[in-house]
Amino acid sequence: MTCKHYTMRTKSDVTISLDSGLLQKIDGEVEERKLKSRSSLIEEKLWQVYRLKDIDERVSDLIVELMELAAKSPEFVEAFRKTLKNVEGGGK
């Protein structure tokens, strides 16, 4: 697999290595979306990853809180199950 080296310049120099297939995908999306540069797309994708990581951490914290509540109150568990069934069933 051939690696092309692409340097993205931001406030500090960052160098990333991309294989040619990924580079072609990036170029295709840049062209399709009429973005200014590869850097614009890469920066956007990095922000998406950081946001997803933040969401994942918050969801994990909420799951821990739910487990703590469930351990204290079996009634809570039953109410939570009913709520989930309503959500999954479209409120039916």
PDB file of N, CA and C in Angstrom:
ATOM      1  N   MET A   1       0.844  -1.168   0.000  1.00  0.00           N
ATOM      2  CA  MET A   1       0.000   0.000   0.000  1.00  0.00           C
ATOM      3  C   MET A   1       0.893   1.236   0.000  1.00  0.00           C
ATOM      4  N   THR A   2       0.689   2.100  -0.959  1.00  0.00           N
ATOM      5  CA  THR A   2       1.503   3.293  -1.092  1.00  0.00           C
ATOM      6  C   THR A   2       1.001   4.382  -0.158  1.00  0.00           C
ATOM      7  N   CYS A   3       1.930   5.006   0.537  1.00  0.00           N
ATOM      8  CA  CYS A   3       1.556   6.116   1.410  1.00  0.00           C
ATOM      9  C   CYS A   3       2.062   7.409   0.807  1.00  0.00           C
ATOM     10  N   LYS A   4       1.181   8.368   0.701  1.00  0.00           N
ATOM     11  CA  LYS A   4       1.594   9.698   0.295  1.00  0.00           C
ATOM     12  C   LYS A   4       1.616  10.525   1.563  1.00  0.00           C
ATOM     13  N   HIS A   5       2.551  11.409   1.655  1.00  0.00           N
ATOM     14  CA  HIS A   5       2.625  12.256   2.835  1.00  0.00           C
ATOM     15  C   HIS A   5       2.015  13.608   2.507  1.00  0.00           C
ATOM     16  N   TYR A   6       1.107  14.013   3.338  1.00  0.00           N
ATOM     17  CA  TYR A   6       0.406  15.270   3.153  1.00  0.00           C
ATOM     18  C   TYR A   6       0.606  16.094   4.410  1.00  0.00           C
ATOM     19  N   THR A   7       1.064  17.310   4.248  1.00  0.00           N
ATOM     20  CA  THR A   7       1.282  18.189   5.395  1.00  0.00           C
ATOM     21  C   THR A   7       0.165  19.208   5.477  1.00  0.00           C
ATOM     22  N   MET A   8      -0.501  19.221   6.605  1.00  0.00           N
ATOM     23  CA  MET A   8      -1.565  20.182   6.842  1.00  0.00           C
ATOM     24  C   MET A   8      -1.008  21.229   7.796  1.00  0.00           C
ATOM     25  N   ARG A   9      -1.068  22.461   7.389  1.00  0.00           N
ATOM     26  CA  ARG A   9      -0.533  23.526   8.232  1.00  0.00           C
ATOM     27  C   ARG A   9      -1.671  24.234   8.968  1.00  0.00           C
ATOM     28  N   THR A  10      -1.517  24.282  10.270  1.00  0.00           N
ATOM     29  CA  THR A  10      -2.463  25.015  11.106  1.00  0.00           C
ATOM     30  C   THR A  10      -1.628  25.961  11.949  1.00  0.00           C
ATOM     31  N   LYS A  11      -2.082  26.250  13.142  1.00  0.00           N
ATOM     32  CA  LYS A  11      -1.285  27.119  14.012  1.00  0.00           C
ATOM     33  C   LYS A  11       0.075  26.497  14.292  1.00  0.00           C
ATOM     34  N   SER A  12       0.078  25.173  14.376  1.00  0.00           N
ATOM     35  CA  SER A  12       1.349  24.458  14.474  1.00  0.00           C
ATOM     36  C   SER A  12       1.364  23.470  13.317  1.00  0.00           C
ATOM     37  N   ASP A  13       2.532  23.129  12.834  1.00  0.00           N
ATOM     38  CA  ASP A  13       2.623  22.200  11.706  1.00  0.00           C
ATOM     39  C   ASP A  13       2.246  20.802  12.150  1.00  0.00           C
ATOM     40  N   VAL A  14       1.375  20.182  11.382  1.00  0.00           N
ATOM     41  CA  VAL A  14       0.940  18.823  11.651  1.00  0.00           C
ATOM     42  C   VAL A  14       1.181  18.019  10.392  1.00  0.00           C
ATOM     43  N   THR A  15       1.813  16.866  10.527  1.00  0.00           N
ATOM     44  CA  THR A  15       2.034  16.003   9.374  1.00  0.00           C
ATOM     45  C   THR A  15       1.276  14.712   9.580  1.00  0.00           C
ATOM     46  N   ILE A  16       0.488  14.349   8.585  1.00  0.00           N
ATOM     47  CA  ILE A  16      -0.216  13.078   8.641  1.00  0.00           C
ATOM     48  C   ILE A  16       0.104  12.298   7.381  1.00  0.00           C
ATOM     49  N   SER A  17       0.119  10.975   7.501  1.00  0.00           N
ATOM     50  CA  SER A  17       0.371  10.116   6.349  1.00  0.00           C
ATOM     51  C   SER A  17      -0.935   9.490   5.902  1.00  0.00           C
ATOM     52  N   LEU A  18      -1.207   9.594   4.627  1.00  0.00           N
ATOM     53  CA  LEU A  18      -2.435   9.042   4.071  1.00  0.00           C
ATOM     54  C   LEU A  18      -2.091   8.076   2.952  1.00  0.00           C
ATOM     55  N   ASP A  19      -2.791   6.921   2.908  1.00  0.00           N
ATOM     56  CA  ASP A  19      -2.568   6.040   1.770  1.00  0.00           C
ATOM     57  C   ASP A  19      -3.291   6.638   0.571  1.00  0.00           C
ATOM     58  N   SER A  20      -2.902   6.222  -0.615  1.00  0.00           N
ATOM     59  CA  SER A  20      -3.418   6.849  -1.832  1.00  0.00           C
ATOM     60  C   SER A  20      -4.933   6.697  -1.973  1.00  0.00           C
ATOM     61  N   GLY A  21      -5.513   5.567  -1.517  1.00  0.00           N
ATOM     62  CA  GLY A  21      -6.961   5.383  -1.596  1.00  0.00           C
ATOM     63  C   GLY A  21      -7.711   6.397  -0.754  1.00  0.00           C
ATOM     64  N   LEU A  22      -7.235   6.614   0.462  1.00  0.00           N
ATOM     65  CA  LEU A  22      -7.869   7.590   1.348  1.00  0.00           C
ATOM     66  C   LEU A  22      -7.701   9.001   0.792  1.00  0.00           C
ATOM     67  N   LEU A  23      -6.537   9.274   0.245  1.00  0.00           N
ATOM     68  CA  LEU A  23      -6.283  10.588  -0.339  1.00  0.00           C
ATOM     69  C   LEU A  23      -7.246  10.852  -1.498  1.00  0.00           C
ATOM     70  N   GLN A  24      -7.520   9.829  -2.303  1.00  0.00           N
ATOM     71  CA  GLN A  24      -8.473   9.981  -3.410  1.00  0.00           C
ATOM     72  C   GLN A  24      -9.880  10.260  -2.882  1.00  0.00           C
ATOM     73  N   LYS A  25     -10.279   9.562  -1.810  1.00  0.00           N
ATOM     74  CA  LYS A  25     -11.598   9.804  -1.215  1.00  0.00           C
ATOM     75  C   LYS A  25     -11.701  11.233  -0.696  1.00  0.00           C
ATOM     76  N   ILE A  26     -10.650  11.686  -0.040  1.00  0.00           N
ATOM     77  CA  ILE A  26     -10.628  13.053   0.485  1.00  0.00           C
ATOM     78  C   ILE A  26     -10.743  14.048  -0.660  1.00  0.00           C
ATOM     79  N   ASP A  27      -9.941  13.851  -1.704  1.00  0.00           N
ATOM     80  CA  ASP A  27      -9.985  14.757  -2.855  1.00  0.00           C
ATOM     81  C   ASP A  27     -11.370  14.762  -3.499  1.00  0.00           C
ATOM     82  N   GLY A  28     -12.001  13.573  -3.592  1.00  0.00           N
ATOM     83  CA  GLY A  28     -13.338  13.486  -4.173  1.00  0.00           C
ATOM     84  C   GLY A  28     -14.364  14.261  -3.367  1.00  0.00           C
ATOM     85  N   GLU A  29     -14.308  14.125  -2.039  1.00  0.00           N
ATOM     86  CA  GLU A  29     -15.265  14.845  -1.192  1.00  0.00           C
ATOM     87  C   GLU A  29     -15.002  16.344  -1.213  1.00  0.00           C
ATOM     88  N   VAL A  30     -13.733  16.738  -1.247  1.00  0.00           N
ATOM     89  CA  VAL A  30     -13.389  18.164  -1.322  1.00  0.00           C
ATOM     90  C   VAL A  30     -13.969  18.757  -2.603  1.00  0.00           C
ATOM     91  N   GLU A  31     -13.801  18.036  -3.707  1.00  0.00           N
ATOM     92  CA  GLU A  31     -14.313  18.515  -4.995  1.00  0.00           C
ATOM     93  C   GLU A  31     -15.847  18.537  -5.002  1.00  0.00           C
ATOM     94  N   GLU A  32     -16.457  17.457  -4.527  1.00  0.00           N
ATOM     95  CA  GLU A  32     -17.917  17.341  -4.520  1.00  0.00           C
ATOM     96  C   GLU A  32     -18.573  18.439  -3.683  1.00  0.00           C
ATOM     97  N   ARG A  33     -17.991  18.718  -2.536  1.00  0.00           N
ATOM     98  CA  ARG A  33     -18.570  19.721  -1.632  1.00  0.00           C
ATOM     99  C   ARG A  33     -18.031  21.123  -1.884  1.00  0.00           C
ATOM    100  N   LYS A  34     -17.147  21.234  -2.860  1.00  0.00           N
ATOM    101  CA  LYS A  34     -16.548  22.517  -3.233  1.00  0.00           C
ATOM    102  C   LYS A  34     -15.881  23.207  -2.035  1.00  0.00           C
ATOM    103  N   LEU A  35     -15.126  22.414  -1.288  1.00  0.00           N
ATOM    104  CA  LEU A  35     -14.400  22.963  -0.146  1.00  0.00           C
ATOM    105  C   LEU A  35     -13.129  23.639  -0.634  1.00  0.00           C
ATOM    106  N   LYS A  36     -12.564  24.489   0.214  1.00  0.00           N
ATOM    107  CA  LYS A  36     -11.362  25.220  -0.160  1.00  0.00           C
ATOM    108  C   LYS A  36     -10.151  24.306  -0.294  1.00  0.00           C
ATOM    109  N   SER A  37     -10.057  23.324   0.608  1.00  0.00           N
ATOM    110  CA  SER A  37      -8.848  22.504   0.624  1.00  0.00           C
ATOM    111  C   SER A  37      -9.075  21.196   1.367  1.00  0.00           C
ATOM    112  N   ARG A  38      -8.090  20.327   1.261  1.00  0.00           N
ATOM    113  CA  ARG A  38      -8.102  19.084   2.038  1.00  0.00           C
ATOM    114  C   ARG A  38      -8.127  19.404   3.529  1.00  0.00           C
ATOM    115  N   SER A  39      -7.373  20.429   3.897  1.00  0.00           N
ATOM    116  CA  SER A  39      -7.279  20.809   5.310  1.00  0.00           C
ATOM    117  C   SER A  39      -8.649  21.113   5.894  1.00  0.00           C
ATOM    118  N   SER A  40      -9.494  21.777   5.115  1.00  0.00           N
ATOM    119  CA  SER A  40     -10.846  22.099   5.589  1.00  0.00           C
ATOM    120  C   SER A  40     -11.607  20.832   5.925  1.00  0.00           C
ATOM    121  N   LEU A  41     -11.542  19.848   5.039  1.00  0.00           N
ATOM    122  CA  LEU A  41     -12.256  18.594   5.252  1.00  0.00           C
ATOM    123  C   LEU A  41     -11.675  17.828   6.433  1.00  0.00           C
ATOM    124  N   ILE A  42     -10.364  17.744   6.503  1.00  0.00           N
ATOM    125  CA  ILE A  42      -9.714  17.004   7.586  1.00  0.00           C
ATOM    126  C   ILE A  42     -10.026  17.649   8.932  1.00  0.00           C
ATOM    127  N   GLU A  43      -9.995  18.970   8.987  1.00  0.00           N
ATOM    128  CA  GLU A  43     -10.319  19.672  10.233  1.00  0.00           C
ATOM    129  C   GLU A  43     -11.763  19.382  10.646  1.00  0.00           C
ATOM    130  N   GLU A  44     -12.688  19.405   9.681  1.00  0.00           N
ATOM    131  CA  GLU A  44     -14.096  19.108   9.969  1.00  0.00           C
ATOM    132  C   GLU A  44     -14.251  17.694  10.518  1.00  0.00           C
ATOM    133  N   LYS A  45     -13.576  16.730   9.894  1.00  0.00           N
ATOM    134  CA  LYS A  45     -13.676  15.336  10.337  1.00  0.00           C
ATOM    135  C   LYS A  45     -13.081  15.163  11.734  1.00  0.00           C
ATOM    136  N   LEU A  46     -11.989  15.846  12.025  1.00  0.00           N
ATOM    137  CA  LEU A  46     -11.394  15.762  13.360  1.00  0.00           C
ATOM    138  C   LEU A  46     -12.344  16.318  14.412  1.00  0.00           C
ATOM    139  N   TRP A  47     -13.006  17.439  14.106  1.00  0.00           N
ATOM    140  CA  TRP A  47     -13.974  17.999  15.052  1.00  0.00           C
ATOM    141  C   TRP A  47     -15.119  17.025  15.285  1.00  0.00           C
ATOM    142  N   GLN A  48     -15.561  16.328  14.228  1.00  0.00           N
ATOM    143  CA  GLN A  48     -16.625  15.335  14.384  1.00  0.00           C
ATOM    144  C   GLN A  48     -16.187  14.228  15.333  1.00  0.00           C
ATOM    145  N   VAL A  49     -14.948  13.780  15.194  1.00  0.00           N
ATOM    146  CA  VAL A  49     -14.425  12.726  16.069  1.00  0.00           C
ATOM    147  C   VAL A  49     -14.401  13.207  17.514  1.00  0.00           C
ATOM    148  N   TYR A  50     -13.920  14.434  17.742  1.00  0.00           N
ATOM    149  CA  TYR A  50     -13.871  14.957  19.105  1.00  0.00           C
ATOM    150  C   TYR A  50     -15.268  15.110  19.695  1.00  0.00           C
ATOM    151  N   ARG A  51     -16.223  15.570  18.883  1.00  0.00           N
ATOM    152  CA  ARG A  51     -17.604  15.698  19.377  1.00  0.00           C
ATOM    153  C   ARG A  51     -18.175  14.327  19.715  1.00  0.00           C
ATOM    154  N   LEU A  52     -17.932  13.333  18.866  1.00  0.00           N
ATOM    155  CA  LEU A  52     -18.425  11.982  19.137  1.00  0.00           C
ATOM    156  C   LEU A  52     -17.800  11.416  20.406  1.00  0.00           C
ATOM    157  N   LYS A  53     -16.507  11.695  20.600  1.00  0.00           N
ATOM    158  CA  LYS A  53     -15.841  11.214  21.811  1.00  0.00           C
ATOM    159  C   LYS A  53     -16.474  11.857  23.045  1.00  0.00           C
ATOM    160  N   ASP A  54     -16.766  13.146  22.956  1.00  0.00           N
ATOM    161  CA  ASP A  54     -17.404  13.853  24.068  1.00  0.00           C
ATOM    162  C   ASP A  54     -18.794  13.280  24.346  1.00  0.00           C
ATOM    163  N   ILE A  55     -19.559  13.038  23.292  1.00  0.00           N
ATOM    164  CA  ILE A  55     -20.895  12.450  23.453  1.00  0.00           C
ATOM    165  C   ILE A  55     -20.784  11.070  24.079  1.00  0.00           C
ATOM    166  N   ASP A  56     -19.833  10.275  23.614  1.00  0.00           N
ATOM    167  CA  ASP A  56     -19.632   8.927  24.151  1.00  0.00           C
ATOM    168  C   ASP A  56     -19.325   8.975  25.644  1.00  0.00           C
ATOM    169  N   GLU A  57     -18.483   9.917  26.057  1.00  0.00           N
ATOM    170  CA  GLU A  57     -18.146  10.049  27.477  1.00  0.00           C
ATOM    171  C   GLU A  57     -19.370  10.448  28.295  1.00  0.00           C
ATOM    172  N   ARG A  58     -20.187  11.366  27.758  1.00  0.00           N
ATOM    173  CA  ARG A  58     -21.387  11.790  28.484  1.00  0.00           C
ATOM    174  C   ARG A  58     -22.390  10.651  28.596  1.00  0.00           C
ATOM    175  N   VAL A  59     -22.554   9.883  27.514  1.00  0.00           N
ATOM    176  CA  VAL A  59     -23.476   8.742  27.545  1.00  0.00           C
ATOM    177  C   VAL A  59     -22.989   7.707  28.556  1.00  0.00           C
ATOM    178  N   SER A  60     -21.687   7.457  28.580  1.00  0.00           N
ATOM    179  CA  SER A  60     -21.131   6.509  29.551  1.00  0.00           C
ATOM    180  C   SER A  60     -21.419   6.961  30.981  1.00  0.00           C
ATOM    181  N   ASP A  61     -21.255   8.252  31.242  1.00  0.00           N
ATOM    182  CA  ASP A  61     -21.553   8.787  32.575  1.00  0.00           C
ATOM    183  C   ASP A  61     -23.031   8.607  32.924  1.00  0.00           C
ATOM    184  N   LEU A  62     -23.905   8.844  31.946  1.00  0.00           N
ATOM    185  CA  LEU A  62     -25.340   8.676  32.189  1.00  0.00           C
ATOM    186  C   LEU A  62     -25.699   7.220  32.463  1.00  0.00           C
ATOM    187  N   ILE A  63     -25.057   6.303  31.763  1.00  0.00           N
ATOM    188  CA  ILE A  63     -25.311   4.876  31.995  1.00  0.00           C
ATOM    189  C   ILE A  63     -24.913   4.496  33.413  1.00  0.00           C
ATOM    190  N   VAL A  64     -23.778   4.998  33.868  1.00  0.00           N
ATOM    191  CA  VAL A  64     -23.342   4.720  35.243  1.00  0.00           C
ATOM    192  C   VAL A  64     -24.368   5.266  36.231  1.00  0.00           C
ATOM    193  N   GLU A  65     -24.851   6.491  35.989  1.00  0.00           N
ATOM    194  CA  GLU A  65     -25.868   7.067  36.876  1.00  0.00           C
ATOM    195  C   GLU A  65     -27.139   6.226  36.875  1.00  0.00           C
ATOM    196  N   LEU A  66     -27.561   5.765  35.690  1.00  0.00           N
ATOM    197  CA  LEU A  66     -28.755   4.919  35.602  1.00  0.00           C
ATOM    198  C   LEU A  66     -28.574   3.619  36.372  1.00  0.00           C
ATOM    199  N   MET A  67     -27.387   3.034  36.271  1.00  0.00           N
ATOM    200  CA  MET A  67     -27.119   1.787  36.993  1.00  0.00           C
ATOM    201  C   MET A  67     -27.168   2.021  38.501  1.00  0.00           C
ATOM    202  N   GLU A  68     -26.640   3.161  38.950  1.00  0.00           N
ATOM    203  CA  GLU A  68     -26.684   3.482  40.376  1.00  0.00           C
ATOM    204  C   GLU A  68     -28.125   3.660  40.846  1.00  0.00           C
ATOM    205  N   LEU A  69     -28.931   4.346  40.038  1.00  0.00           N
ATOM    206  CA  LEU A  69     -30.346   4.517  40.384  1.00  0.00           C
ATOM    207  C   LEU A  69     -31.074   3.180  40.397  1.00  0.00           C
ATOM    208  N   ALA A  70     -30.771   2.336  39.427  1.00  0.00           N
ATOM    209  CA  ALA A  70     -31.418   1.020  39.344  1.00  0.00           C
ATOM    210  C   ALA A  70     -31.090   0.170  40.561  1.00  0.00           C
ATOM    211  N   ALA A  71     -29.863   0.278  41.044  1.00  0.00           N
ATOM    212  CA  ALA A  71     -29.465  -0.500  42.216  1.00  0.00           C
ATOM    213  C   ALA A  71     -30.241  -0.050  43.459  1.00  0.00           C
ATOM    214  N   LYS A  72     -30.614   1.222  43.499  1.00  0.00           N
ATOM    215  CA  LYS A  72     -31.330   1.760  44.658  1.00  0.00           C
ATOM    216  C   LYS A  72     -32.842   1.561  44.564  1.00  0.00           C
ATOM    217  N   SER A  73     -33.361   1.448  43.332  1.00  0.00           N
ATOM    218  CA  SER A  73     -34.817   1.451  43.178  1.00  0.00           C
ATOM    219  C   SER A  73     -35.285   0.533  42.051  1.00  0.00           C
ATOM    220  N   PRO A  74     -35.792  -0.652  42.393  1.00  0.00           N
ATOM    221  CA  PRO A  74     -36.332  -1.545  41.364  1.00  0.00           C
ATOM    222  C   PRO A  74     -37.512  -0.907  40.613  1.00  0.00           C
ATOM    223  N   GLU A  75     -38.266  -0.022  41.270  1.00  0.00           N
ATOM    224  CA  GLU A  75     -39.379   0.659  40.614  1.00  0.00           C
ATOM    225  C   GLU A  75     -38.872   1.531  39.468  1.00  0.00           C
ATOM    226  N   PHE A  76     -37.717   2.126  39.674  1.00  0.00           N
ATOM    227  CA  PHE A  76     -37.123   2.954  38.631  1.00  0.00           C
ATOM    228  C   PHE A  76     -36.826   2.114  37.398  1.00  0.00           C
ATOM    229  N   VAL A  77     -36.290   0.921  37.608  1.00  0.00           N
ATOM    230  CA  VAL A  77     -35.950   0.036  36.489  1.00  0.00           C
ATOM    231  C   VAL A  77     -37.199  -0.266  35.672  1.00  0.00           C
ATOM    232  N   GLU A  78     -38.290  -0.600  36.335  1.00  0.00           N
ATOM    233  CA  GLU A  78     -39.537  -0.923  35.627  1.00  0.00           C
ATOM    234  C   GLU A  78     -40.063   0.296  34.864  1.00  0.00           C
ATOM    235  N   ALA A  79     -40.026   1.463  35.479  1.00  0.00           N
ATOM    236  CA  ALA A  79     -40.482   2.687  34.809  1.00  0.00           C
ATOM    237  C   ALA A  79     -39.602   3.000  33.602  1.00  0.00           C
ATOM    238  N   PHE A  80     -38.309   2.779  33.741  1.00  0.00           N
ATOM    239  CA  PHE A  80     -37.374   3.025  32.646  1.00  0.00           C
ATOM    240  C   PHE A  80     -37.648   2.070  31.487  1.00  0.00           C
ATOM    241  N   ARG A  81     -37.897   0.802  31.786  1.00  0.00           N
ATOM    242  CA  ARG A  81     -38.220  -0.179  30.739  1.00  0.00           C
ATOM    243  C   ARG A  81     -39.474   0.231  29.977  1.00  0.00           C
ATOM    244  N   LYS A  82     -40.498   0.658  30.700  1.00  0.00           N
ATOM    245  CA  LYS A  82     -41.742   1.088  30.052  1.00  0.00           C
ATOM    246  C   LYS A  82     -41.494   2.293  29.149  1.00  0.00           C
ATOM    247  N   THR A  83     -40.686   3.216  29.629  1.00  0.00           N
ATOM    248  CA  THR A  83     -40.363   4.397  28.826  1.00  0.00           C
ATOM    249  C   THR A  83     -39.647   3.994  27.550  1.00  0.00           C
ATOM    250  N   LEU A  84     -38.670   3.097  27.655  1.00  0.00           N
ATOM    251  CA  LEU A  84     -37.948   2.640  26.469  1.00  0.00           C
ATOM    252  C   LEU A  84     -38.874   1.947  25.483  1.00  0.00           C
ATOM    253  N   LYS A  85     -39.791   1.126  25.979  1.00  0.00           N
ATOM    254  CA  LYS A  85     -40.744   0.449  25.095  1.00  0.00           C
ATOM    255  C   LYS A  85     -41.603   1.470  24.358  1.00  0.00           C
ATOM    256  N   ASN A  86     -42.023   2.525  25.054  1.00  0.00           N
ATOM    257  CA  ASN A  86     -42.814   3.576  24.413  1.00  0.00           C
ATOM    258  C   ASN A  86     -42.018   4.300  23.336  1.00  0.00           C
ATOM    259  N   VAL A  87     -40.755   4.570  23.618  1.00  0.00           N
ATOM    260  CA  VAL A  87     -39.901   5.251  22.645  1.00  0.00           C
ATOM    261  C   VAL A  87     -39.693   4.357  21.429  1.00  0.00           C
ATOM    262  N   GLU A  88     -39.361   3.090  21.653  1.00  0.00           N
ATOM    263  CA  GLU A  88     -39.129   2.158  20.550  1.00  0.00           C
ATOM    264  C   GLU A  88     -40.391   1.925  19.738  1.00  0.00           C
ATOM    265  N   GLY A  89     -41.540   1.930  20.400  1.00  0.00           N
ATOM    266  CA  GLY A  89     -42.806   1.689  19.719  1.00  0.00           C
ATOM    267  C   GLY A  89     -43.427   2.943  19.130  1.00  0.00           C
ATOM    268  N   GLY A  90     -42.704   4.034  19.150  1.00  0.00           N
ATOM    269  CA  GLY A  90     -43.224   5.281  18.605  1.00  0.00           C
ATOM    270  C   GLY A  90     -44.292   5.921  19.472  1.00  0.00           C
ATOM    271  N   GLY A  91     -44.235   5.632  20.782  1.00  0.00           N
ATOM    272  CA  GLY A  91     -45.186   6.234  21.710  1.00  0.00           C
ATOM    273  C   GLY A  91     -46.517   5.517  21.781  1.00  0.00           C
ATOM    274  N   LYS A  92     -46.575   4.321  21.219  1.00  0.00           N
ATOM    275  CA  LYS A  92     -47.834   3.548  21.220  1.00  0.00           C
ATOM    276  C   LYS A  92     -48.094   2.927  22.562  1.00  0.00           C
TER     277      LYS A  92
END
